[in-house]
N, C-alpha and C. Protein backbone atom coordinates (compact mmCIF):
# COMPACT_ATOMS: atom_id res chain seq x y z
N MET A 1 71.26 13.98 -112.65
CA MET A 1 71.40 13.98 -114.11
C MET A 1 70.09 14.40 -114.76
N LYS A 2 70.14 15.38 -115.63
CA LYS A 2 68.95 15.87 -116.31
C LYS A 2 68.54 14.91 -117.42
N LEU A 3 67.24 14.70 -117.53
CA LEU A 3 66.74 13.83 -118.58
C LEU A 3 66.74 14.58 -119.91
N SER A 4 66.94 13.84 -120.98
CA SER A 4 66.88 14.44 -122.30
C SER A 4 65.41 14.60 -122.72
N THR A 5 65.20 15.39 -123.75
CA THR A 5 63.84 15.59 -124.26
C THR A 5 63.23 14.27 -124.71
N GLU A 6 64.03 13.44 -125.32
CA GLU A 6 63.54 12.13 -125.79
C GLU A 6 63.11 11.25 -124.62
N GLN A 7 63.89 11.26 -123.54
CA GLN A 7 63.55 10.44 -122.37
C GLN A 7 62.28 10.96 -121.69
N ILE A 8 62.13 12.28 -121.61
CA ILE A 8 60.91 12.87 -121.03
C ILE A 8 59.70 12.50 -121.88
N ASN A 9 59.89 12.50 -123.19
CA ASN A 9 58.78 12.15 -124.09
C ASN A 9 58.37 10.68 -123.92
N ILE A 10 59.35 9.81 -123.64
CA ILE A 10 59.04 8.40 -123.40
C ILE A 10 58.17 8.26 -122.16
N ILE A 11 58.51 9.01 -121.11
CA ILE A 11 57.72 8.99 -119.87
C ILE A 11 56.32 9.53 -120.13
N LYS A 12 56.25 10.66 -120.85
CA LYS A 12 54.94 11.26 -121.15
C LYS A 12 54.08 10.31 -121.98
N GLU A 13 54.69 9.65 -122.94
CA GLU A 13 53.95 8.74 -123.81
C GLU A 13 53.40 7.56 -123.02
N THR A 14 54.19 7.06 -122.07
CA THR A 14 53.74 5.94 -121.24
C THR A 14 52.53 6.35 -120.40
N VAL A 15 52.59 7.53 -119.82
CA VAL A 15 51.47 8.03 -119.00
C VAL A 15 50.25 8.31 -119.87
N ASN A 16 50.47 8.87 -121.04
CA ASN A 16 49.36 9.20 -121.94
C ASN A 16 48.64 7.97 -122.47
N LYS A 17 49.35 6.82 -122.51
CA LYS A 17 48.72 5.58 -122.98
C LYS A 17 47.79 4.98 -121.93
N SER A 18 47.89 5.43 -120.69
CA SER A 18 47.05 4.90 -119.62
C SER A 18 45.65 5.52 -119.69
N LEU A 19 44.80 5.10 -118.76
CA LEU A 19 43.42 5.61 -118.72
C LEU A 19 43.33 6.99 -118.05
N ILE A 20 44.44 7.47 -117.53
CA ILE A 20 44.43 8.72 -116.76
C ILE A 20 43.96 9.88 -117.63
N LYS A 21 42.88 10.54 -117.19
CA LYS A 21 42.32 11.67 -117.94
C LYS A 21 42.48 13.00 -117.20
N LEU A 22 42.67 12.93 -115.90
CA LEU A 22 42.80 14.16 -115.12
C LEU A 22 44.15 14.83 -115.43
N PRO A 23 44.14 16.04 -115.98
CA PRO A 23 45.40 16.70 -116.36
C PRO A 23 46.35 16.91 -115.18
N THR A 24 45.79 17.30 -114.02
CA THR A 24 46.65 17.54 -112.86
C THR A 24 47.31 16.25 -112.38
N LEU A 25 46.54 15.16 -112.36
CA LEU A 25 47.10 13.87 -111.93
C LEU A 25 48.16 13.41 -112.93
N LYS A 26 47.87 13.59 -114.21
CA LYS A 26 48.82 13.19 -115.25
C LYS A 26 50.14 13.96 -115.10
N ASP A 27 50.04 15.27 -114.89
CA ASP A 27 51.25 16.10 -114.73
C ASP A 27 52.03 15.71 -113.49
N ASP A 28 51.31 15.44 -112.39
CA ASP A 28 51.98 15.06 -111.14
C ASP A 28 52.74 13.75 -111.31
N ILE A 29 52.13 12.79 -112.00
CA ILE A 29 52.77 11.50 -112.20
C ILE A 29 54.01 11.64 -113.09
N ILE A 30 53.90 12.44 -114.15
CA ILE A 30 55.04 12.66 -115.04
C ILE A 30 56.19 13.32 -114.28
N ASP A 31 55.87 14.36 -113.50
CA ASP A 31 56.90 15.05 -112.70
C ASP A 31 57.56 14.10 -111.71
N HIS A 32 56.73 13.30 -111.04
CA HIS A 32 57.26 12.35 -110.05
C HIS A 32 58.20 11.34 -110.71
N LEU A 33 57.75 10.78 -111.83
CA LEU A 33 58.57 9.79 -112.52
C LEU A 33 59.89 10.39 -113.02
N CYS A 34 59.82 11.60 -113.55
CA CYS A 34 61.04 12.27 -114.03
C CYS A 34 62.04 12.48 -112.89
N CYS A 35 61.53 12.92 -111.74
CA CYS A 35 62.41 13.18 -110.58
C CYS A 35 63.06 11.89 -110.09
N VAL A 36 62.25 10.83 -109.97
CA VAL A 36 62.77 9.56 -109.47
C VAL A 36 63.78 8.96 -110.44
N VAL A 37 63.47 9.03 -111.73
CA VAL A 37 64.39 8.49 -112.73
C VAL A 37 65.72 9.24 -112.71
N GLU A 38 65.67 10.57 -112.56
CA GLU A 38 66.90 11.37 -112.49
C GLU A 38 67.75 10.96 -111.29
N ILE A 39 67.10 10.74 -110.15
CA ILE A 39 67.82 10.32 -108.95
C ILE A 39 68.49 8.97 -109.17
N LYS A 40 67.74 8.03 -109.77
CA LYS A 40 68.30 6.69 -110.02
C LYS A 40 69.43 6.74 -111.03
N MET A 41 69.30 7.62 -112.02
CA MET A 41 70.38 7.73 -113.02
C MET A 41 71.63 8.37 -112.43
N ASP A 42 71.43 9.23 -111.41
CA ASP A 42 72.58 9.79 -110.71
C ASP A 42 73.36 8.69 -109.97
N ARG A 43 72.66 7.58 -109.69
CA ARG A 43 73.31 6.45 -109.00
C ARG A 43 73.82 5.42 -110.02
N GLN A 44 74.06 5.88 -111.22
CA GLN A 44 74.69 5.08 -112.28
C GLN A 44 73.75 4.04 -112.91
N GLN A 45 72.46 4.21 -112.76
CA GLN A 45 71.53 3.33 -113.47
C GLN A 45 71.26 3.89 -114.85
N ASN A 46 71.02 2.99 -115.82
CA ASN A 46 70.65 3.50 -117.14
C ASN A 46 69.18 3.89 -117.15
N PHE A 47 68.76 4.60 -118.17
CA PHE A 47 67.40 5.15 -118.21
C PHE A 47 66.34 4.06 -118.18
N ASP A 48 66.51 3.02 -118.97
CA ASP A 48 65.48 1.98 -119.08
C ASP A 48 65.20 1.31 -117.74
N SER A 49 66.25 0.89 -117.06
CA SER A 49 66.05 0.21 -115.77
C SER A 49 65.54 1.18 -114.71
N ALA A 50 66.02 2.42 -114.74
CA ALA A 50 65.58 3.43 -113.77
C ALA A 50 64.09 3.74 -113.96
N PHE A 51 63.68 3.89 -115.22
CA PHE A 51 62.27 4.18 -115.50
C PHE A 51 61.38 3.00 -115.12
N LYS A 52 61.86 1.79 -115.44
CA LYS A 52 61.08 0.59 -115.10
C LYS A 52 60.89 0.48 -113.60
N GLU A 53 61.94 0.71 -112.82
CA GLU A 53 61.84 0.64 -111.36
C GLU A 53 60.96 1.73 -110.81
N ALA A 54 61.11 2.95 -111.32
CA ALA A 54 60.30 4.08 -110.85
C ALA A 54 58.83 3.83 -111.12
N LEU A 55 58.52 3.28 -112.27
CA LEU A 55 57.13 3.00 -112.64
C LEU A 55 56.55 1.91 -111.75
N HIS A 56 57.36 0.88 -111.47
CA HIS A 56 56.88 -0.21 -110.61
C HIS A 56 56.69 0.27 -109.17
N ASP A 57 57.61 1.11 -108.69
CA ASP A 57 57.48 1.63 -107.32
C ASP A 57 56.23 2.49 -107.17
N LEU A 58 55.93 3.28 -108.18
CA LEU A 58 54.77 4.17 -108.13
C LEU A 58 53.47 3.40 -108.32
N ALA A 59 53.47 2.50 -109.29
CA ALA A 59 52.23 1.79 -109.63
C ALA A 59 52.52 0.32 -109.92
N PRO A 60 52.68 -0.49 -108.88
CA PRO A 60 52.99 -1.91 -109.09
C PRO A 60 51.92 -2.66 -109.87
N ASP A 61 50.67 -2.16 -109.78
CA ASP A 61 49.56 -2.78 -110.51
C ASP A 61 49.21 -2.02 -111.78
N GLY A 62 50.05 -1.08 -112.16
CA GLY A 62 49.80 -0.32 -113.38
C GLY A 62 49.23 1.06 -113.11
N LEU A 63 49.46 1.97 -114.06
CA LEU A 63 48.97 3.35 -113.91
C LEU A 63 47.45 3.42 -113.92
N ASP A 64 46.81 2.49 -114.63
CA ASP A 64 45.35 2.48 -114.66
C ASP A 64 44.77 2.28 -113.27
N GLU A 65 45.44 1.44 -112.48
CA GLU A 65 44.97 1.19 -111.11
C GLU A 65 45.10 2.44 -110.25
N VAL A 66 46.18 3.20 -110.46
CA VAL A 66 46.35 4.46 -109.74
C VAL A 66 45.20 5.41 -110.07
N TYR A 67 44.84 5.46 -111.34
CA TYR A 67 43.73 6.33 -111.78
C TYR A 67 42.42 5.90 -111.13
N LYS A 68 42.15 4.60 -111.15
CA LYS A 68 40.91 4.10 -110.56
C LYS A 68 40.84 4.42 -109.06
N GLU A 69 41.96 4.23 -108.36
CA GLU A 69 41.99 4.51 -106.92
C GLU A 69 41.80 6.01 -106.67
N THR A 70 42.37 6.85 -107.52
CA THR A 70 42.21 8.29 -107.37
C THR A 70 40.76 8.70 -107.57
N ILE A 71 40.14 8.17 -108.61
CA ILE A 71 38.73 8.47 -108.89
C ILE A 71 37.86 7.99 -107.73
N PHE A 72 38.19 6.81 -107.19
CA PHE A 72 37.41 6.28 -106.06
C PHE A 72 37.51 7.21 -104.86
N LEU A 73 38.72 7.66 -104.56
CA LEU A 73 38.92 8.55 -103.42
C LEU A 73 38.21 9.89 -103.62
N LEU A 74 38.23 10.39 -104.86
CA LEU A 74 37.57 11.68 -105.14
C LEU A 74 36.06 11.56 -105.07
N ASN A 75 35.54 10.36 -105.35
CA ASN A 75 34.09 10.17 -105.38
C ASN A 75 33.62 9.14 -104.37
N SER A 76 34.44 8.90 -103.34
CA SER A 76 34.14 7.80 -102.41
C SER A 76 32.79 7.94 -101.74
N THR A 77 32.42 9.15 -101.33
CA THR A 77 31.14 9.35 -100.65
C THR A 77 29.98 9.04 -101.59
N LYS A 78 30.05 9.54 -102.81
CA LYS A 78 28.98 9.28 -103.79
C LYS A 78 28.91 7.80 -104.14
N ILE A 79 30.07 7.18 -104.30
CA ILE A 79 30.11 5.76 -104.66
C ILE A 79 29.52 4.91 -103.55
N ILE A 80 29.87 5.21 -102.31
CA ILE A 80 29.35 4.44 -101.17
C ILE A 80 27.84 4.59 -101.07
N ILE A 81 27.33 5.83 -101.24
CA ILE A 81 25.88 6.07 -101.19
C ILE A 81 25.18 5.30 -102.30
N MET A 82 25.76 5.34 -103.53
CA MET A 82 25.15 4.65 -104.66
C MET A 82 25.12 3.14 -104.42
N LYS A 83 26.21 2.60 -103.87
CA LYS A 83 26.25 1.16 -103.61
C LYS A 83 25.24 0.77 -102.53
N ARG A 84 25.09 1.60 -101.52
CA ARG A 84 24.10 1.32 -100.48
C ARG A 84 22.70 1.30 -101.05
N VAL A 85 22.39 2.31 -101.87
CA VAL A 85 21.07 2.38 -102.50
C VAL A 85 20.86 1.17 -103.41
N MET A 86 21.89 0.83 -104.19
CA MET A 86 21.79 -0.28 -105.14
C MET A 86 21.48 -1.59 -104.42
N TYR A 87 22.25 -1.91 -103.37
CA TYR A 87 22.05 -3.18 -102.68
C TYR A 87 20.78 -3.17 -101.83
N LEU A 88 20.37 -2.01 -101.34
CA LEU A 88 19.12 -1.92 -100.60
C LEU A 88 17.94 -2.17 -101.54
N VAL A 89 17.98 -1.57 -102.72
CA VAL A 89 16.93 -1.81 -103.72
C VAL A 89 16.90 -3.28 -104.10
N GLY A 90 18.07 -3.88 -104.30
CA GLY A 90 18.14 -5.30 -104.63
C GLY A 90 17.54 -6.17 -103.55
N LEU A 91 17.88 -5.87 -102.29
CA LEU A 91 17.37 -6.66 -101.16
C LEU A 91 15.86 -6.53 -101.04
N VAL A 92 15.37 -5.30 -101.04
CA VAL A 92 13.94 -5.06 -100.85
C VAL A 92 13.13 -5.66 -101.99
N SER A 93 13.60 -5.47 -103.24
CA SER A 93 12.84 -5.99 -104.39
C SER A 93 12.85 -7.51 -104.41
N ALA A 94 13.99 -8.13 -104.06
CA ALA A 94 14.05 -9.60 -104.02
C ALA A 94 13.14 -10.15 -102.93
N MET A 95 13.17 -9.51 -101.76
CA MET A 95 12.29 -9.93 -100.66
C MET A 95 10.82 -9.78 -101.04
N SER A 96 10.52 -8.67 -101.73
CA SER A 96 9.14 -8.41 -102.15
C SER A 96 8.68 -9.47 -103.15
N PHE A 97 9.56 -9.79 -104.10
CA PHE A 97 9.21 -10.78 -105.12
C PHE A 97 8.97 -12.15 -104.50
N VAL A 98 9.87 -12.59 -103.63
CA VAL A 98 9.74 -13.90 -102.99
C VAL A 98 8.50 -13.95 -102.09
N THR A 99 8.25 -12.84 -101.37
CA THR A 99 7.06 -12.78 -100.51
C THR A 99 5.79 -12.87 -101.35
N GLY A 100 5.76 -12.14 -102.47
CA GLY A 100 4.59 -12.18 -103.35
C GLY A 100 4.37 -13.57 -103.91
N TRP A 101 5.46 -14.25 -104.26
CA TRP A 101 5.36 -15.63 -104.77
C TRP A 101 4.79 -16.55 -103.68
N THR A 102 5.25 -16.36 -102.45
CA THR A 102 4.77 -17.16 -101.33
C THR A 102 3.28 -16.90 -101.09
N PHE A 103 2.90 -15.61 -101.14
CA PHE A 103 1.49 -15.24 -100.97
C PHE A 103 0.63 -15.88 -102.04
N ALA A 104 1.16 -15.96 -103.27
CA ALA A 104 0.39 -16.55 -104.37
C ALA A 104 0.14 -18.03 -104.12
N MET A 105 1.15 -18.74 -103.62
CA MET A 105 0.99 -20.18 -103.35
C MET A 105 0.02 -20.41 -102.18
N LEU A 106 -0.02 -19.44 -101.26
CA LEU A 106 -0.91 -19.57 -100.10
C LEU A 106 -2.26 -18.88 -100.32
N HIS A 107 -2.44 -18.33 -101.52
CA HIS A 107 -3.69 -17.64 -101.89
C HIS A 107 -4.02 -16.50 -100.95
N LEU A 108 -3.01 -15.72 -100.61
CA LEU A 108 -3.19 -14.56 -99.74
C LEU A 108 -3.29 -13.29 -100.58
N PRO A 109 -3.98 -12.26 -100.07
CA PRO A 109 -4.08 -11.01 -100.84
C PRO A 109 -2.74 -10.28 -100.91
N GLY A 110 -2.58 -9.48 -101.97
CA GLY A 110 -1.37 -8.69 -102.13
C GLY A 110 -0.29 -9.36 -102.94
N GLN A 111 -0.58 -10.57 -103.44
CA GLN A 111 0.43 -11.33 -104.16
C GLN A 111 0.88 -10.62 -105.45
N ALA A 112 -0.08 -10.06 -106.18
CA ALA A 112 0.25 -9.42 -107.46
C ALA A 112 1.12 -8.19 -107.25
N GLU A 113 0.73 -7.35 -106.31
CA GLU A 113 1.47 -6.11 -106.05
C GLU A 113 2.90 -6.40 -105.61
N LEU A 114 3.04 -7.36 -104.69
CA LEU A 114 4.38 -7.69 -104.18
C LEU A 114 5.26 -8.31 -105.27
N SER A 115 4.70 -9.26 -106.02
CA SER A 115 5.49 -9.95 -107.03
C SER A 115 5.91 -9.02 -108.16
N VAL A 116 4.93 -8.30 -108.71
CA VAL A 116 5.22 -7.42 -109.84
C VAL A 116 6.12 -6.27 -109.40
N GLY A 117 5.81 -5.67 -108.24
CA GLY A 117 6.63 -4.57 -107.74
C GLY A 117 8.06 -4.99 -107.46
N GLY A 118 8.22 -6.16 -106.84
CA GLY A 118 9.55 -6.68 -106.55
C GLY A 118 10.32 -6.99 -107.81
N PHE A 119 9.64 -7.60 -108.78
CA PHE A 119 10.31 -7.94 -110.03
C PHE A 119 10.72 -6.70 -110.80
N LEU A 120 9.82 -5.72 -110.90
CA LEU A 120 10.14 -4.49 -111.64
C LEU A 120 11.29 -3.73 -110.98
N GLY A 121 11.28 -3.69 -109.64
CA GLY A 121 12.37 -3.02 -108.93
C GLY A 121 13.70 -3.71 -109.15
N PHE A 122 13.68 -5.03 -109.13
CA PHE A 122 14.92 -5.80 -109.32
C PHE A 122 15.41 -5.70 -110.75
N ALA A 123 14.46 -5.81 -111.70
CA ALA A 123 14.83 -5.87 -113.12
C ALA A 123 15.24 -4.51 -113.68
N PHE A 124 14.53 -3.46 -113.28
CA PHE A 124 14.73 -2.18 -113.95
C PHE A 124 15.39 -1.10 -113.09
N ILE A 125 15.70 -1.44 -111.84
CA ILE A 125 16.45 -0.50 -111.00
C ILE A 125 17.77 -1.14 -110.55
N PHE A 126 17.66 -2.31 -109.88
CA PHE A 126 18.87 -2.94 -109.34
C PHE A 126 19.80 -3.42 -110.44
N MET A 127 19.28 -4.19 -111.41
CA MET A 127 20.15 -4.78 -112.44
C MET A 127 20.86 -3.73 -113.29
N PRO A 128 20.20 -2.66 -113.75
CA PRO A 128 20.95 -1.62 -114.49
C PRO A 128 22.02 -0.95 -113.64
N MET A 129 21.71 -0.67 -112.35
CA MET A 129 22.70 -0.07 -111.47
C MET A 129 23.89 -1.01 -111.27
N TYR A 130 23.60 -2.30 -111.12
CA TYR A 130 24.67 -3.28 -110.93
C TYR A 130 25.55 -3.37 -112.18
N ALA A 131 24.90 -3.38 -113.35
CA ALA A 131 25.64 -3.46 -114.61
C ALA A 131 26.55 -2.25 -114.80
N ILE A 132 26.01 -1.05 -114.50
CA ILE A 132 26.80 0.18 -114.63
C ILE A 132 27.99 0.15 -113.69
N ASP A 133 27.76 -0.28 -112.44
CA ASP A 133 28.84 -0.37 -111.46
C ASP A 133 29.89 -1.37 -111.90
N TYR A 134 29.47 -2.49 -112.45
CA TYR A 134 30.40 -3.52 -112.90
C TYR A 134 31.28 -3.01 -114.04
N PHE A 135 30.65 -2.34 -115.02
CA PHE A 135 31.42 -1.86 -116.18
C PHE A 135 32.37 -0.73 -115.79
N LYS A 136 31.99 0.07 -114.79
CA LYS A 136 32.90 1.13 -114.34
C LYS A 136 34.14 0.53 -113.70
N VAL A 137 33.93 -0.48 -112.87
CA VAL A 137 35.06 -1.09 -112.16
C VAL A 137 35.90 -1.94 -113.09
N ASN A 138 35.26 -2.59 -114.06
CA ASN A 138 35.96 -3.52 -114.94
C ASN A 138 36.00 -3.01 -116.37
N ILE A 139 36.32 -1.72 -116.52
CA ILE A 139 36.27 -1.09 -117.84
C ILE A 139 37.23 -1.74 -118.83
N GLN A 140 38.32 -2.33 -118.31
CA GLN A 140 39.30 -2.92 -119.21
C GLN A 140 39.16 -4.43 -119.34
N ARG A 141 38.12 -4.98 -118.76
CA ARG A 141 37.90 -6.41 -118.87
C ARG A 141 37.70 -6.80 -120.34
N ALA A 142 37.96 -8.04 -120.66
CA ALA A 142 37.80 -8.53 -122.02
C ALA A 142 36.33 -8.47 -122.43
N LEU A 143 36.12 -8.40 -123.75
CA LEU A 143 34.76 -8.34 -124.29
C LEU A 143 33.96 -9.56 -123.86
N SER A 144 34.61 -10.72 -123.79
CA SER A 144 33.90 -11.95 -123.39
C SER A 144 33.37 -11.86 -121.97
N GLU A 145 34.11 -11.17 -121.08
CA GLU A 145 33.65 -10.97 -119.70
C GLU A 145 32.40 -10.11 -119.68
N LYS A 146 32.40 -9.04 -120.48
CA LYS A 146 31.25 -8.14 -120.52
C LYS A 146 30.03 -8.83 -121.13
N LEU A 147 30.26 -9.60 -122.20
CA LEU A 147 29.16 -10.31 -122.84
C LEU A 147 28.59 -11.39 -121.93
N LYS A 148 29.45 -11.98 -121.11
CA LYS A 148 28.98 -12.98 -120.14
C LYS A 148 27.99 -12.34 -119.18
N LEU A 149 28.33 -11.13 -118.69
CA LEU A 149 27.44 -10.43 -117.77
C LEU A 149 26.13 -10.05 -118.46
N VAL A 150 26.23 -9.50 -119.66
CA VAL A 150 25.05 -9.04 -120.39
C VAL A 150 24.10 -10.21 -120.68
N THR A 151 24.63 -11.30 -121.20
CA THR A 151 23.78 -12.45 -121.52
C THR A 151 23.22 -13.10 -120.26
N GLY A 152 24.01 -13.11 -119.20
CA GLY A 152 23.51 -13.67 -117.93
C GLY A 152 22.35 -12.86 -117.38
N ILE A 153 22.49 -11.54 -117.39
CA ILE A 153 21.42 -10.68 -116.90
C ILE A 153 20.19 -10.80 -117.79
N ALA A 154 20.42 -10.80 -119.12
CA ALA A 154 19.29 -10.89 -120.06
C ALA A 154 18.51 -12.18 -119.87
N SER A 155 19.22 -13.30 -119.75
CA SER A 155 18.52 -14.58 -119.58
C SER A 155 17.77 -14.63 -118.25
N ALA A 156 18.37 -14.09 -117.20
CA ALA A 156 17.71 -14.08 -115.89
C ALA A 156 16.44 -13.24 -115.92
N LEU A 157 16.49 -12.08 -116.58
CA LEU A 157 15.32 -11.22 -116.66
C LEU A 157 14.20 -11.85 -117.48
N VAL A 158 14.57 -12.49 -118.59
CA VAL A 158 13.55 -13.12 -119.44
C VAL A 158 12.89 -14.29 -118.71
N VAL A 159 13.70 -15.11 -118.04
CA VAL A 159 13.15 -16.24 -117.29
C VAL A 159 12.27 -15.75 -116.14
N ALA A 160 12.72 -14.70 -115.43
CA ALA A 160 11.92 -14.15 -114.33
C ALA A 160 10.59 -13.60 -114.86
N THR A 161 10.63 -12.97 -116.03
CA THR A 161 9.39 -12.45 -116.63
C THR A 161 8.45 -13.60 -116.98
N SER A 162 9.01 -14.69 -117.48
CA SER A 162 8.17 -15.85 -117.80
C SER A 162 7.51 -16.43 -116.55
N ILE A 163 8.23 -16.38 -115.43
CA ILE A 163 7.66 -16.87 -114.16
C ILE A 163 6.49 -15.98 -113.74
N ILE A 164 6.68 -14.65 -113.90
CA ILE A 164 5.59 -13.72 -113.59
C ILE A 164 4.37 -14.02 -114.46
N PHE A 165 4.61 -14.21 -115.77
CA PHE A 165 3.52 -14.51 -116.70
C PHE A 165 2.81 -15.80 -116.30
N LYS A 166 3.60 -16.81 -115.94
CA LYS A 166 3.01 -18.09 -115.54
C LYS A 166 2.23 -17.96 -114.25
N LEU A 167 2.75 -17.17 -113.33
CA LEU A 167 2.11 -16.98 -112.03
C LEU A 167 0.73 -16.37 -112.17
N PHE A 168 0.59 -15.43 -113.13
CA PHE A 168 -0.69 -14.74 -113.31
C PHE A 168 -1.44 -15.22 -114.55
N HIS A 169 -1.03 -16.40 -115.05
CA HIS A 169 -1.74 -17.06 -116.15
C HIS A 169 -1.85 -16.16 -117.38
N LEU A 170 -0.75 -15.50 -117.72
CA LEU A 170 -0.71 -14.65 -118.91
C LEU A 170 -0.13 -15.43 -120.08
N GLN A 171 -0.52 -15.04 -121.28
CA GLN A 171 -0.02 -15.73 -122.47
C GLN A 171 1.44 -15.36 -122.73
N GLY A 172 2.17 -16.29 -123.27
CA GLY A 172 3.56 -16.04 -123.65
C GLY A 172 4.57 -16.52 -122.63
N ALA A 173 4.11 -17.13 -121.54
CA ALA A 173 5.03 -17.57 -120.48
C ALA A 173 6.03 -18.59 -121.01
N TYR A 174 5.55 -19.58 -121.75
CA TYR A 174 6.44 -20.62 -122.26
C TYR A 174 7.39 -20.10 -123.34
N THR A 175 6.88 -19.16 -124.14
CA THR A 175 7.75 -18.55 -125.16
C THR A 175 8.90 -17.80 -124.51
N LEU A 176 8.58 -17.02 -123.47
CA LEU A 176 9.61 -16.28 -122.76
C LEU A 176 10.61 -17.22 -122.09
N LEU A 177 10.08 -18.30 -121.51
CA LEU A 177 10.95 -19.28 -120.87
C LEU A 177 11.91 -19.90 -121.88
N LEU A 178 11.39 -20.20 -123.07
CA LEU A 178 12.22 -20.77 -124.13
C LEU A 178 13.30 -19.78 -124.57
N ILE A 179 12.92 -18.51 -124.74
CA ILE A 179 13.88 -17.48 -125.13
C ILE A 179 14.97 -17.33 -124.07
N GLY A 180 14.55 -17.30 -122.80
CA GLY A 180 15.51 -17.20 -121.71
C GLY A 180 16.46 -18.38 -121.67
N ALA A 181 15.94 -19.57 -121.92
CA ALA A 181 16.77 -20.78 -121.92
C ALA A 181 17.78 -20.75 -123.07
N ILE A 182 17.34 -20.23 -124.23
CA ILE A 182 18.23 -20.15 -125.39
C ILE A 182 19.36 -19.15 -125.12
N ILE A 183 19.01 -17.99 -124.57
CA ILE A 183 20.04 -16.98 -124.25
C ILE A 183 21.03 -17.54 -123.23
N PHE A 184 20.50 -18.25 -122.22
CA PHE A 184 21.36 -18.82 -121.18
C PHE A 184 22.28 -19.90 -121.76
N THR A 185 21.69 -20.79 -122.61
CA THR A 185 22.44 -21.93 -123.14
C THR A 185 23.47 -21.53 -124.18
N PHE A 186 23.05 -20.67 -125.12
CA PHE A 186 23.94 -20.34 -126.24
C PHE A 186 24.61 -18.97 -126.11
N GLY A 187 24.27 -18.24 -125.05
CA GLY A 187 24.90 -16.95 -124.81
C GLY A 187 25.76 -16.96 -123.57
N PHE A 188 25.13 -17.16 -122.41
CA PHE A 188 25.85 -17.08 -121.14
C PHE A 188 26.83 -18.22 -120.96
N LEU A 189 26.39 -19.46 -121.16
CA LEU A 189 27.26 -20.61 -120.88
C LEU A 189 28.53 -20.65 -121.73
N PRO A 190 28.46 -20.40 -123.05
CA PRO A 190 29.72 -20.38 -123.82
C PRO A 190 30.72 -19.36 -123.32
N PHE A 191 30.24 -18.13 -122.98
CA PHE A 191 31.15 -17.11 -122.47
C PHE A 191 31.69 -17.49 -121.10
N LEU A 192 30.84 -18.12 -120.27
CA LEU A 192 31.27 -18.54 -118.94
C LEU A 192 32.41 -19.55 -119.04
N PHE A 193 32.23 -20.59 -119.85
CA PHE A 193 33.25 -21.64 -119.94
C PHE A 193 34.47 -21.17 -120.72
N PHE A 194 34.28 -20.26 -121.67
CA PHE A 194 35.42 -19.70 -122.40
C PHE A 194 36.32 -18.92 -121.44
N ASN A 195 35.72 -18.12 -120.57
CA ASN A 195 36.50 -17.36 -119.58
C ASN A 195 37.16 -18.28 -118.56
N MET A 196 36.46 -19.34 -118.17
CA MET A 196 37.05 -20.31 -117.24
C MET A 196 38.25 -20.98 -117.89
N TYR A 197 38.13 -21.29 -119.18
CA TYR A 197 39.24 -21.92 -119.91
C TYR A 197 40.44 -20.98 -119.99
N LYS A 198 40.18 -19.69 -120.32
CA LYS A 198 41.28 -18.72 -120.43
C LYS A 198 42.01 -18.57 -119.11
N LYS A 199 41.24 -18.53 -118.00
CA LYS A 199 41.86 -18.39 -116.69
C LYS A 199 42.68 -19.62 -116.32
N SER A 200 42.22 -20.79 -116.76
CA SER A 200 42.91 -22.02 -116.40
C SER A 200 44.26 -22.17 -117.09
N ILE A 201 44.43 -21.52 -118.28
CA ILE A 201 45.70 -21.65 -119.01
C ILE A 201 46.59 -20.43 -118.85
N SER A 202 46.07 -19.40 -118.16
CA SER A 202 46.88 -18.18 -117.98
C SER A 202 47.82 -18.30 -116.79
């Protein structure tokens, strides 16, 4: 049974409302859905139920998930390399920072270079890469989820900076610690518990 123009437009509108931006992928999905719906309607199903079943069979987790998986497959090599670099930078910088802190307590040479280098690498290379990766994967997450991450990262960076200042007896360490505590208390924690509450009632 051939679909009417109105029914085809309903399918197109559903696909167009998704995150799918690739024209070829969009056209392939529309063609596939039209073919499957026609087959189901030939078996005496009405359009609504046929379209609903065809959509669920193609994308049980939604069309957006199909798009994300397609993008991942198209860029899998680049994504894997980026993730390896990101976590390697995080590991090395964290190890460097902790080693420098240990050297400082033991009054060993190299403490400043290790601590500052590790902190800068973690704060200005790893954390931005992690944030970008998180937002790409969770592009449709609620604003509260994104703000939770932003405030959490901000408070951690400010507190870590205050520790560096305190370690090298620089002015402003307590001010930074206070700012970090305020961001954590009135920024991160409210979003954290709000999201926990939403998940508990959903």
